[in-house]
PDB file of N, CA and C in Angstrom:
ATOM      1  N   MET A   1       0.826  -1.189   0.000  1.00  0.00           N
ATOM      2  CA  MET A   1       0.000   0.000   0.000  1.00  0.00           C
ATOM      3  C   MET A   1       0.874   1.257   0.000  1.00  0.00           C
ATOM      4  N   VAL A   2       1.906   1.287   0.825  1.00  0.00           N
ATOM      5  CA  VAL A   2       2.773   2.462   0.930  1.00  0.00           C
ATOM      6  C   VAL A   2       3.542   2.671  -0.372  1.00  0.00           C
ATOM      7  N   GLN A   3       4.046   1.610  -0.985  1.00  0.00           N
ATOM      8  CA  GLN A   3       4.782   1.734  -2.243  1.00  0.00           C
ATOM      9  C   GLN A   3       3.891   2.240  -3.366  1.00  0.00           C
ATOM     10  N   ASN A   4       2.655   1.780  -3.441  1.00  0.00           N
ATOM     11  CA  ASN A   4       1.726   2.263  -4.459  1.00  0.00           C
ATOM     12  C   ASN A   4       1.441   3.751  -4.304  1.00  0.00           C
ATOM     13  N   PHE A   5       1.617   4.241  -3.109  1.00  0.00           N
ATOM     14  CA  PHE A   5       1.373   5.639  -2.794  1.00  0.00           C
ATOM     15  C   PHE A   5       2.556   6.528  -3.174  1.00  0.00           C
ATOM     16  N   GLY A   6       3.722   5.905  -3.407  1.00  0.00           N
ATOM     17  CA  GLY A   6       4.917   6.658  -3.769  1.00  0.00           C
ATOM     18  C   GLY A   6       5.871   6.861  -2.616  1.00  0.00           C
ATOM     19  N   ALA A   7       5.712   6.109  -1.543  1.00  0.00           N
ATOM     20  CA  ALA A   7       6.594   6.207  -0.377  1.00  0.00           C
ATOM     21  C   ALA A   7       7.274   4.863  -0.154  1.00  0.00           C
ATOM     22  N   THR A   8       8.250   4.848   0.732  1.00  0.00           N
ATOM     23  CA  THR A   8       8.953   3.625   1.080  1.00  0.00           C
ATOM     24  C   THR A   8       8.951   3.469   2.586  1.00  0.00           C
ATOM     25  N   LEU A   9       8.566   2.307   3.052  1.00  0.00           N
ATOM     26  CA  LEU A   9       8.636   1.985   4.471  1.00  0.00           C
ATOM     27  C   LEU A   9       9.856   1.098   4.645  1.00  0.00           C
ATOM     28  N   LYS A  10      10.907   1.630   5.277  1.00  0.00           N
ATOM     29  CA  LYS A  10      12.157   0.882   5.428  1.00  0.00           C
ATOM     30  C   LYS A  10      11.949  -0.415   6.187  1.00  0.00           C
ATOM     31  N   GLU A  11      11.158  -0.346   7.234  1.00  0.00           N
ATOM     32  CA  GLU A  11      10.842  -1.532   8.038  1.00  0.00           C
ATOM     33  C   GLU A  11       9.539  -1.264   8.772  1.00  0.00           C
ATOM     34  N   MET A  12       8.878  -2.314   9.159  1.00  0.00           N
ATOM     35  CA  MET A  12       7.661  -2.152   9.939  1.00  0.00           C
ATOM     36  C   MET A  12       8.045  -1.575  11.300  1.00  0.00           C
ATOM     37  N   PRO A  13       7.449  -0.452  11.679  1.00  0.00           N
ATOM     38  CA  PRO A  13       7.809   0.148  12.963  1.00  0.00           C
ATOM     39  C   PRO A  13       7.261  -0.628  14.165  1.00  0.00           C
ATOM     40  N   GLY A  14       6.345  -1.527  13.910  1.00  0.00           N
ATOM     41  CA  GLY A  14       5.749  -2.314  14.992  1.00  0.00           C
ATOM     42  C   GLY A  14       4.544  -3.073  14.468  1.00  0.00           C
ATOM     43  N   ARG A  15       3.780  -3.595  15.391  1.00  0.00           N
ATOM     44  CA  ARG A  15       2.573  -4.347  15.037  1.00  0.00           C
ATOM     45  C   ARG A  15       1.462  -3.376  14.659  1.00  0.00           C
ATOM     46  N   ILE A  16       0.737  -3.694  13.580  1.00  0.00           N
ATOM     47  CA  ILE A  16      -0.394  -2.860  13.185  1.00  0.00           C
ATOM     48  C   ILE A  16      -1.532  -3.086  14.173  1.00  0.00           C
ATOM     49  N   ARG A  17      -1.975  -2.004  14.776  1.00  0.00           N
ATOM     50  CA  ARG A  17      -3.062  -2.066  15.749  1.00  0.00           C
ATOM     51  C   ARG A  17      -4.393  -1.700  15.109  1.00  0.00           C
ATOM     52  N   TYR A  18      -4.341  -0.848  14.088  1.00  0.00           N
ATOM     53  CA  TYR A  18      -5.574  -0.297  13.489  1.00  0.00           C
ATOM     54  C   TYR A  18      -5.246   0.128  12.067  1.00  0.00           C
ATOM     55  N   ILE A  19      -6.120  -0.192  11.129  1.00  0.00           N
ATOM     56  CA  ILE A  19      -5.983   0.300   9.758  1.00  0.00           C
ATOM     57  C   ILE A  19      -7.380   0.474   9.180  1.00  0.00           C
ATOM     58  N   ARG A  20      -7.658   1.687   8.731  1.00  0.00           N
ATOM     59  CA  ARG A  20      -8.978   2.008   8.180  1.00  0.00           C
ATOM     60  C   ARG A  20      -8.862   3.154   7.187  1.00  0.00           C
ATOM     61  N   LEU A  21      -9.818   3.222   6.288  1.00  0.00           N
ATOM     62  CA  LEU A  21      -9.994   4.420   5.475  1.00  0.00           C
ATOM     63  C   LEU A  21     -10.772   5.421   6.324  1.00  0.00           C
ATOM     64  N   CYS A  22     -10.248   6.628   6.433  1.00  0.00           N
ATOM     65  CA  CYS A  22     -10.858   7.649   7.286  1.00  0.00           C
ATOM     66  C   CYS A  22     -10.988   8.956   6.508  1.00  0.00           C
ATOM     67  N   PRO A  23     -11.906   9.827   6.919  1.00  0.00           N
ATOM     68  CA  PRO A  23     -12.029  11.129   6.261  1.00  0.00           C
ATOM     69  C   PRO A  23     -10.794  11.995   6.526  1.00  0.00           C
ATOM     70  N   VAL A  24     -10.242  12.545   5.453  1.00  0.00           N
ATOM     71  CA  VAL A  24      -9.127  13.492   5.536  1.00  0.00           C
ATOM     72  C   VAL A  24      -9.355  14.574   4.491  1.00  0.00           C
ATOM     73  N   GLU A  25      -9.188  15.801   4.892  1.00  0.00           N
ATOM     74  CA  GLU A  25      -9.393  16.940   4.000  1.00  0.00           C
ATOM     75  C   GLU A  25     -10.719  16.764   3.261  1.00  0.00           C
ATOM     76  N   ASP A  26     -10.706  16.735   1.925  1.00  0.00           N
ATOM     77  CA  ASP A  26     -11.940  16.626   1.143  1.00  0.00           C
ATOM     78  C   ASP A  26     -12.174  15.216   0.602  1.00  0.00           C
ATOM     79  N   GLY A  27     -11.608  14.218   1.250  1.00  0.00           N
ATOM     80  CA  GLY A  27     -11.758  12.859   0.752  1.00  0.00           C
ATOM     81  C   GLY A  27     -11.498  11.852   1.852  1.00  0.00           C
ATOM     82  N   VAL A  28     -10.860  10.741   1.470  1.00  0.00           N
ATOM     83  CA  VAL A  28     -10.506   9.712   2.441  1.00  0.00           C
ATOM     84  C   VAL A  28      -9.043   9.350   2.281  1.00  0.00           C
ATOM     85  N   GLY A  29      -8.456   8.859   3.343  1.00  0.00           N
ATOM     86  CA  GLY A  29      -7.069   8.416   3.327  1.00  0.00           C
ATOM     87  C   GLY A  29      -6.906   7.264   4.300  1.00  0.00           C
ATOM     88  N   TRP A  30      -5.770   6.599   4.208  1.00  0.00           N
ATOM     89  CA  TRP A  30      -5.493   5.474   5.098  1.00  0.00           C
ATOM     90  C   TRP A  30      -4.979   5.984   6.433  1.00  0.00           C
ATOM     91  N   HIS A  31      -5.541   5.466   7.507  1.00  0.00           N
ATOM     92  CA  HIS A  31      -5.140   5.786   8.872  1.00  0.00           C
ATOM     93  C   HIS A  31      -4.635   4.487   9.478  1.00  0.00           C
ATOM     94  N   ILE A  32      -3.342   4.434   9.755  1.00  0.00           N
ATOM     95  CA  ILE A  32      -2.715   3.217  10.260  1.00  0.00           C
ATOM     96  C   ILE A  32      -2.056   3.534  11.595  1.00  0.00           C
ATOM     97  N   VAL A  33      -2.349   2.759  12.621  1.00  0.00           N
ATOM     98  CA  VAL A  33      -1.737   2.940  13.931  1.00  0.00           C
ATOM     99  C   VAL A  33      -0.871   1.719  14.224  1.00  0.00           C
ATOM    100  N   PHE A  34       0.389   1.984  14.574  1.00  0.00           N
ATOM    101  CA  PHE A  34       1.344   0.935  14.921  1.00  0.00           C
ATOM    102  C   PHE A  34       1.610   0.955  16.420  1.00  0.00           C
ATOM    103  N   GLU A  35       1.782  -0.214  17.008  1.00  0.00           N
ATOM    104  CA  GLU A  35       2.291  -0.337  18.372  1.00  0.00           C
ATOM    105  C   GLU A  35       3.794  -0.528  18.241  1.00  0.00           C
ATOM    106  N   THR A  36       4.571   0.432  18.736  1.00  0.00           N
ATOM    107  CA  THR A  36       6.027   0.365  18.647  1.00  0.00           C
ATOM    108  C   THR A  36       6.605   0.233  20.058  1.00  0.00           C
ATOM    109  N   PRO A  37       7.884  -0.115  20.173  1.00  0.00           N
ATOM    110  CA  PRO A  37       8.505  -0.172  21.498  1.00  0.00           C
ATOM    111  C   PRO A  37       8.466   1.186  22.222  1.00  0.00           C
ATOM    112  N   GLN A  38       8.400   2.285  21.469  1.00  0.00           N
ATOM    113  CA  GLN A  38       8.363   3.627  22.058  1.00  0.00           C
ATOM    114  C   GLN A  38       6.950   4.129  22.310  1.00  0.00           C
ATOM    115  N   GLY A  39       5.935   3.390  21.910  1.00  0.00           N
ATOM    116  CA  GLY A  39       4.546   3.810  22.073  1.00  0.00           C
ATOM    117  C   GLY A  39       3.815   3.757  20.736  1.00  0.00           C
ATOM    118  N   LEU A  40       2.633   4.350  20.688  1.00  0.00           N
ATOM    119  CA  LEU A  40       1.826   4.330  19.467  1.00  0.00           C
ATOM    120  C   LEU A  40       2.360   5.313  18.434  1.00  0.00           C
ATOM    121  N   MET A  41       2.285   4.926  17.171  1.00  0.00           N
ATOM    122  CA  MET A  41       2.681   5.772  16.048  1.00  0.00           C
ATOM    123  C   MET A  41       1.572   5.713  15.011  1.00  0.00           C
ATOM    124  N   THR A  42       1.141   6.865  14.535  1.00  0.00           N
ATOM    125  CA  THR A  42       0.090   6.939  13.524  1.00  0.00           C
ATOM    126  C   THR A  42       0.696   7.326  12.185  1.00  0.00           C
ATOM    127  N   LEU A  43       0.319   6.617  11.135  1.00  0.00           N
ATOM    128  CA  LEU A  43       0.701   6.936   9.762  1.00  0.00           C
ATOM    129  C   LEU A  43      -0.584   7.230   9.002  1.00  0.00           C
ATOM    130  N   ILE A  44      -0.636   8.394   8.377  1.00  0.00           N
ATOM    131  CA  ILE A  44      -1.805   8.775   7.584  1.00  0.00           C
ATOM    132  C   ILE A  44      -1.338   9.013   6.157  1.00  0.00           C
ATOM    133  N   LEU A  45      -1.962   8.327   5.215  1.00  0.00           N
ATOM    134  CA  LEU A  45      -1.659   8.484   3.782  1.00  0.00           C
ATOM    135  C   LEU A  45      -2.798   9.275   3.152  1.00  0.00           C
ATOM    136  N   VAL A  46      -2.466  10.445   2.612  1.00  0.00           N
ATOM    137  CA  VAL A  46      -3.477  11.338   2.044  1.00  0.00           C
ATOM    138  C   VAL A  46      -3.255  11.418   0.532  1.00  0.00           C
ATOM    139  N   PRO A  47      -4.116  10.792  -0.267  1.00  0.00           N
ATOM    140  CA  PRO A  47      -3.920  10.768  -1.716  1.00  0.00           C
ATOM    141  C   PRO A  47      -4.341  12.069  -2.395  1.00  0.00           C
ATOM    142  N   GLY A  48      -3.571  12.442  -3.407  1.00  0.00           N
ATOM    143  CA  GLY A  48      -3.949  13.541  -4.287  1.00  0.00           C
ATOM    144  C   GLY A  48      -3.983  14.924  -3.669  1.00  0.00           C
ATOM    145  N   LYS A  49      -3.371  15.122  -2.524  1.00  0.00           N
ATOM    146  CA  LYS A  49      -3.361  16.427  -1.856  1.00  0.00           C
ATOM    147  C   LYS A  49      -1.940  16.848  -1.543  1.00  0.00           C
ATOM    148  N   ARG A  50      -1.770  18.152  -1.349  1.00  0.00           N
ATOM    149  CA  ARG A  50      -0.499  18.677  -0.871  1.00  0.00           C
ATOM    150  C   ARG A  50      -0.640  19.009   0.608  1.00  0.00           C
ATOM    151  N   CYS A  51       0.436  18.820   1.343  1.00  0.00           N
ATOM    152  CA  CYS A  51       0.411  19.117   2.773  1.00  0.00           C
ATOM    153  C   CYS A  51       0.440  20.628   2.961  1.00  0.00           C
ATOM    154  N   ARG A  52      -0.608  21.161   3.563  1.00  0.00           N
ATOM    155  CA  ARG A  52      -0.701  22.603   3.799  1.00  0.00           C
ATOM    156  C   ARG A  52       0.047  23.016   5.048  1.00  0.00           C
ATOM    157  N   SER A  53      -0.206  22.370   6.132  1.00  0.00           N
ATOM    158  CA  SER A  53       0.514  22.635   7.371  1.00  0.00           C
ATOM    159  C   SER A  53       0.457  21.378   8.217  1.00  0.00           C
ATOM    160  N   CYS A  54       1.375  21.299   9.128  1.00  0.00           N
ATOM    161  CA  CYS A  54       1.449  20.107   9.957  1.00  0.00           C
ATOM    162  C   CYS A  54       1.439  20.548  11.409  1.00  0.00           C
ATOM    163  N   ARG A  55       0.259  20.750  11.924  1.00  0.00           N
ATOM    164  CA  ARG A  55       0.107  21.155  13.317  1.00  0.00           C
ATOM    165  C   ARG A  55      -0.599  20.040  14.073  1.00  0.00           C
ATOM    166  N   PRO A  56      -0.069  19.676  15.228  1.00  0.00           N
ATOM    167  CA  PRO A  56      -0.719  18.612  15.997  1.00  0.00           C
ATOM    168  C   PRO A  56      -2.026  19.082  16.601  1.00  0.00           C
ATOM    169  N   HIS A  57      -2.959  18.154  16.764  1.00  0.00           N
ATOM    170  CA  HIS A  57      -4.230  18.467  17.404  1.00  0.00           C
ATOM    171  C   HIS A  57      -4.096  18.546  18.916  1.00  0.00           C
ATOM    172  N   ARG A  58      -3.072  17.917  19.452  1.00  0.00           N
ATOM    173  CA  ARG A  58      -2.841  17.908  20.899  1.00  0.00           C
ATOM    174  C   ARG A  58      -1.426  18.408  21.164  1.00  0.00           C
ATOM    175  N   PRO A  59      -1.209  19.125  22.254  1.00  0.00           N
ATOM    176  CA  PRO A  59       0.100  19.730  22.524  1.00  0.00           C
ATOM    177  C   PRO A  59       1.263  18.754  22.609  1.00  0.00           C
ATOM    178  N   ARG A  60       1.034  17.526  23.064  1.00  0.00           N
ATOM    179  CA  ARG A  60       2.140  16.577  23.236  1.00  0.00           C
ATOM    180  C   ARG A  60       2.420  15.751  21.989  1.00  0.00           C
ATOM    181  N   MET A  61       1.742  16.022  20.890  1.00  0.00           N
ATOM    182  CA  MET A  61       1.935  15.234  19.678  1.00  0.00           C
ATOM    183  C   MET A  61       3.064  15.824  18.821  1.00  0.00           C
ATOM    184  N   GLU A  62       3.792  14.945  18.169  1.00  0.00           N
ATOM    185  CA  GLU A  62       4.910  15.322  17.308  1.00  0.00           C
ATOM    186  C   GLU A  62       4.583  14.904  15.872  1.00  0.00           C
ATOM    187  N   PRO A  63       4.235  15.857  14.980  1.00  0.00           N
ATOM    188  CA  PRO A  63       3.889  15.498  13.610  1.00  0.00           C
ATOM    189  C   PRO A  63       5.081  15.611  12.652  1.00  0.00           C
ATOM    190  N   LEU A  64       5.033  14.847  11.591  1.00  0.00           N
ATOM    191  CA  LEU A  64       5.995  14.931  10.505  1.00  0.00           C
ATOM    192  C   LEU A  64       5.207  14.660   9.235  1.00  0.00           C
ATOM    193  N   ALA A  65       5.263  15.552   8.271  1.00  0.00           N
ATOM    194  CA  ALA A  65       4.554  15.338   7.000  1.00  0.00           C
ATOM    195  C   ALA A  65       5.536  15.526   5.851  1.00  0.00           C
ATOM    196  N   ARG A  66       5.396  14.681   4.828  1.00  0.00           N
ATOM    197  CA  ARG A  66       6.276  14.730   3.661  1.00  0.00           C
ATOM    198  C   ARG A  66       5.460  14.467   2.401  1.00  0.00           C
ATOM    199  N   PRO A  67       5.769  15.191   1.319  1.00  0.00           N
ATOM    200  CA  PRO A  67       5.099  14.908   0.049  1.00  0.00           C
ATOM    201  C   PRO A  67       5.649  13.629  -0.577  1.00  0.00           C
ATOM    202  N   VAL A  68       4.800  12.922  -1.286  1.00  0.00           N
ATOM    203  CA  VAL A  68       5.190  11.755  -2.075  1.00  0.00           C
ATOM    204  C   VAL A  68       4.447  11.829  -3.405  1.00  0.00           C
ATOM    205  N   ARG A  69       4.789  10.943  -4.306  1.00  0.00           N
ATOM    206  CA  ARG A  69       4.213  10.958  -5.653  1.00  0.00           C
ATOM    207  C   ARG A  69       2.686  10.986  -5.643  1.00  0.00           C
ATOM    208  N   GLY A  70       2.059  10.227  -4.741  1.00  0.00           N
ATOM    209  CA  GLY A  70       0.609  10.102  -4.747  1.00  0.00           C
ATOM    210  C   GLY A  70      -0.133  11.065  -3.843  1.00  0.00           C
ATOM    211  N   GLY A  71       0.554  11.999  -3.195  1.00  0.00           N
ATOM    212  CA  GLY A  71      -0.083  12.933  -2.267  1.00  0.00           C
ATOM    213  C   GLY A  71       0.891  13.303  -1.168  1.00  0.00           C
ATOM    214  N   TYR A  72       0.567  12.958   0.079  1.00  0.00           N
ATOM    215  CA  TYR A  72       1.521  13.124   1.172  1.00  0.00           C
ATOM    216  C   TYR A  72       1.210  12.137   2.277  1.00  0.00           C
ATOM    217  N   TYR A  73       2.201  11.944   3.135  1.00  0.00           N
ATOM    218  CA  TYR A  73       1.974  11.112   4.316  1.00  0.00           C
ATOM    219  C   TYR A  73       2.290  11.932   5.554  1.00  0.00           C
ATOM    220  N   ALA A  74       1.665  11.579   6.643  1.00  0.00           N
ATOM    221  CA  ALA A  74       1.933  12.213   7.931  1.00  0.00           C
ATOM    222  C   ALA A  74       2.163  11.123   8.969  1.00  0.00           C
ATOM    223  N   VAL A  75       3.150  11.346   9.810  1.00  0.00           N
ATOM    224  CA  VAL A  75       3.450  10.447  10.921  1.00  0.00           C
ATOM    225  C   VAL A  75       3.273  11.261  12.193  1.00  0.00           C
ATOM    226  N   VAL A  76       2.562  10.703  13.159  1.00  0.00           N
ATOM    227  CA  VAL A  76       2.337  11.399  14.426  1.00  0.00           C
ATOM    228  C   VAL A  76       2.694  10.463  15.565  1.00  0.00           C
ATOM    229  N   THR A  77       3.509  10.967  16.496  1.00  0.00           N
ATOM    230  CA  THR A  77       3.875  10.232  17.712  1.00  0.00           C
ATOM    231  C   THR A  77       3.773  11.192  18.887  1.00  0.00           C
ATOM    232  N   LEU A  78       3.942  10.676  20.082  1.00  0.00           N
ATOM    233  CA  LEU A  78       4.080  11.551  21.242  1.00  0.00           C
ATOM    234  C   LEU A  78       5.451  12.207  21.176  1.00  0.00           C
ATOM    235  N   ARG A  79       5.582  13.417  21.652  1.00  0.00           N
ATOM    236  CA  ARG A  79       6.870  14.118  21.648  1.00  0.00           C
ATOM    237  C   ARG A  79       7.938  13.274  22.339  1.00  0.00           C
ATOM    238  N   CYS A  80       9.159  13.408  21.837  1.00  0.00           N
ATOM    239  CA  CYS A  80      10.337  12.738  22.393  1.00  0.00           C
ATOM    240  C   CYS A  80      10.327  11.229  22.165  1.00  0.00           C
ATOM    241  N   ARG A  81       9.450  10.734  21.326  1.00  0.00           N
ATOM    242  CA  ARG A  81       9.428   9.289  21.048  1.00  0.00           C
ATOM    243  C   ARG A  81      10.301   8.958  19.844  1.00  0.00           C
ATOM    244  N   GLY A  82      10.569   9.955  18.995  1.00  0.00           N
ATOM    245  CA  GLY A  82      11.420   9.729  17.844  1.00  0.00           C
ATOM    246  C   GLY A  82      10.651   9.279  16.639  1.00  0.00           C
ATOM    247  N   ILE A  83      10.580  10.152  15.625  1.00  0.00           N
ATOM    248  CA  ILE A  83       9.928   9.789  14.371  1.00  0.00           C
ATOM    249  C   ILE A  83      10.916   9.942  13.246  1.00  0.00           C
ATOM    250  N   GLY A  84      10.597   9.369  12.120  1.00  0.00           N
ATOM    251  CA  GLY A  84      11.439   9.494  10.949  1.00  0.00           C
ATOM    252  C   GLY A  84      12.349   8.308  10.716  1.00  0.00           C
ATOM    253  N   ARG A  85      12.563   7.463  11.704  1.00  0.00           N
ATOM    254  CA  ARG A  85      13.443   6.320  11.507  1.00  0.00           C
ATOM    255  C   ARG A  85      12.848   5.278  10.577  1.00  0.00           C
ATOM    256  N   SER A  86      11.519   5.204  10.518  1.00  0.00           N
ATOM    257  CA  SER A  86      10.876   4.148   9.750  1.00  0.00           C
ATOM    258  C   SER A  86      10.398   4.618   8.385  1.00  0.00           C
ATOM    259  N   THR A  87      10.522   5.908   8.103  1.00  0.00           N
ATOM    260  CA  THR A  87      10.028   6.428   6.838  1.00  0.00           C
ATOM    261  C   THR A  87      11.142   7.037   6.025  1.00  0.00           C
ATOM    262  N   LYS A  88      10.934   7.093   4.744  1.00  0.00           N
ATOM    263  CA  LYS A  88      11.929   7.664   3.834  1.00  0.00           C
ATOM    264  C   LYS A  88      11.217   8.591   2.887  1.00  0.00           C
TER     265      LYS A  88
END
């Protein structure tokens, strides 16, 4: 799924806890939650859109968004948990 979107997942960050199509912006995107050794990590794949801004909904959340061929992806973790190791 990630490769078809234009991204690369270097390795599975943990066990998949949740995967669903969810409403994002003006459409739907994949919402995937992983259980990692550092805690929960959310990956959101947003097709056909550009990332406008990356602001967390909660103060302790750490977002990272990057454009890819098919739109953009966003990774959200709790602050100080470390993101970016599993995505390219």
